[in-house]
Amino acid sequence: MKINIPQQYFSKLMRAVVEFEMIEDGDHILIGVSGGKDSIFLCYALAILRERLKKDFRLSALTINPMFPDTPFDTARIRTFLAGLEIPYDVIDVDIAGAIEAQGGKTPCYTCAFFRRGAMNRYAKEHGMNKIAYAHHNDDAVETFLMSLLYSGQLTTFTPVTYLDRTDLKVIRPLIYFRESETRAAVRYHGFTPVPSPCPHDGHTIRQEVKELIARLSPKIPDLYEHLASGMREGALGELWPATKTRDVMKETYLRYMGKSAAAHADSRKK
């Protein structure tokens, strides 16, 4: 298979790999493949890097079948496509559908991600791989950043490279500078029609709500996306309130304001 992408795409790919030092000699990288537009493009892009980079590294790919009942999952087309890229491919079954059902109505995305990551990590360790590549793009990072603020009150998102100390694995995200529109448009270069997601919750998630929120606000705030993307960077924080004080610290401050010592306060409580 002849593989190539425009220089603009290659530059974004190289920027991520070089800035965050994602690939080194001797790496064996396991690619998480769902069959969607993002993971298929990631496989294609890494196959191009394998040809062009002056690094000696290997690629393998893995699909986690979540075993949702009555939902077809066409992994045969994925296998054929990856064979053309000379990327070894495997599929394993993980009963994520059963795990979600057992959670009794809790957020399905968290349960799914938890079991997928665990299965990917175990597979990588069992097969002597040292890195895992996921197809998260820039929109994913921005949406995660806003989701975190709205739903947990924290300013955080995933990082381009993450070290997993429990497993001694590194997670890399080479598409981190690509917009989702670019991974969607990349079908014209690799020619693979994405496999429909087998997830019955697809399109009905908190992430989808946040994606739609950004889309609704963007016409009114033209620089909204760029501001959110800038806000993810270290050093972007302006003036914030101090951290919430503990009850014990507040008690000490309260006693000072009331002109009492801790000992006197304790004695008054005993009486």
Foldseek 3Di string as FASTA:
>chain_A
DDADDDPVQLVLLVCQCVVVVPDAAPAEEEEEDQLFLQSLVVLRSVLVCCVPPPHHYHYAYEYEACPDPPFDRPCVLVCVLVVVSVHHYDYDYDPLVVVQVVVPPPASVVSVVVRVVVVVLVVCLVVVGAEYEYRDEQLQFLLQQVCCCVPPVDRAGDDQWDQDVVRNHIYHHSRHHPDPVVSVVCCVRSVRDGTDGRDPCPCPHPSNVSVVVCVVCCVVPVCVSVVSSLSNDPVNDDDDDDDDDDPVVVVCVVCVVVVHDPVRVVVVVVD
